[in-house]
Protein backbone atom coordinates (compact mmCIF):
# COMPACT_ATOMS: atom_id res chain seq x y z
CA MET A 1 108.07 116.36 119.57
CA LEU A 2 105.34 113.53 119.86
CA VAL A 3 102.18 116.23 119.77
CA ALA A 4 103.48 117.78 116.70
CA ILE A 5 103.52 114.24 115.25
CA ILE A 6 100.15 113.55 116.55
CA SER A 7 99.01 116.93 114.89
CA VAL A 8 100.28 116.44 111.34
CA TYR A 9 98.65 112.84 111.70
CA ILE A 10 95.44 114.29 112.60
CA LEU A 11 95.78 116.91 109.64
CA LEU A 12 96.79 114.48 107.34
CA VAL A 13 93.97 111.87 108.11
CA SER A 14 91.52 113.96 108.04
CA LEU A 15 92.85 115.74 104.51
CA GLN A 16 92.85 112.65 102.95
CA MET A 17 89.33 111.39 104.06
CA TRP A 18 87.88 114.73 102.66
CA LEU A 19 89.67 113.61 99.43
CA LEU A 20 88.30 110.19 99.83
CA PHE A 21 84.35 111.47 100.37
CA GLY A 22 85.28 114.17 97.25
CA THR A 23 86.55 111.63 95.25
CA ILE A 24 83.32 109.15 95.81
CA ASN A 25 80.64 111.73 95.35
CA LYS A 26 81.88 113.06 92.06
CA ALA A 27 83.17 109.50 90.57
CA LEU A 28 79.05 108.95 91.50
CA ASP A 29 78.33 112.25 89.20
CA LYS A 30 80.24 110.60 86.35
CA GLU A 31 80.32 114.35 85.11
CA ASN A 32 83.26 115.42 87.31
CA LEU A 33 85.63 112.42 86.47
CA ASP A 34 88.73 115.29 86.54
CA PHE A 35 88.44 115.96 89.82
CA ALA A 36 88.10 112.11 91.30
CA THR A 37 90.98 110.90 89.46
CA TYR A 38 93.36 114.33 91.13
CA SER A 39 91.52 113.28 94.45
CA ALA A 40 92.16 109.50 94.10
CA ILE A 41 95.95 110.53 93.31
CA GLY A 42 96.21 113.32 96.53
CA SER A 43 95.00 110.62 98.64
CA VAL A 44 97.68 108.04 97.66
CA ILE A 45 100.31 110.45 98.39
CA ILE A 46 98.95 111.24 101.43
CA PHE A 47 98.66 107.69 102.57
CA LEU A 48 102.55 107.42 101.66
CA CYS A 49 103.11 110.83 103.47
CA THR A 50 101.72 109.20 106.64
CA LEU A 51 103.42 106.06 106.22
CA PHE A 52 107.09 107.87 105.92
CA PHE A 53 105.97 110.23 109.21
CA LEU A 54 105.17 106.72 111.00
CA ARG A 55 109.39 105.76 111.51
CA TYR A 56 108.97 109.47 113.78
CA VAL A 57 107.11 107.59 116.12
CA PRO A 58 108.68 106.22 118.88
CA ASP A 59 108.31 102.56 120.26
CA ILE A 60 105.94 102.38 122.92
CA PRO A 61 107.75 100.96 126.43
CA THR A 62 106.29 97.69 127.05
CA GLY A 63 108.47 97.61 130.43
CA GLN A 64 110.52 94.71 129.09
CA ASN A 65 113.90 94.89 127.32
CA LYS A 66 114.34 93.00 124.20
CA LYS A 67 118.09 91.82 125.63
CA SER A 68 116.90 90.13 128.48
CA GLU A 69 114.15 87.92 126.48
CA ASP A 70 117.23 86.85 124.55
CA GLU A 71 119.24 86.33 127.46
CA ASN A 72 116.17 84.28 128.89
CA ASP A 73 115.95 82.14 125.62
CA ASN A 74 119.71 81.34 126.12
CA ALA A 75 120.00 80.24 128.89
CA TYR A 76 117.91 76.69 128.69
């Protein structure tokens, strides 16, 4: 499951970088501003999708339990 999420992240970030590169190139030409606008909007949508998928990434285990930390704080 985690491999699939990482693969989707790599795909979305690659597509977002490609769109941002196209946005910058076309915006500097000042001839195809429509493409630059749509590319920027698409890049923002892909960014929001990556933020949405971020909740599916599990927490990295650190070897410490959060409950044990709370119990240690209350011991004093």
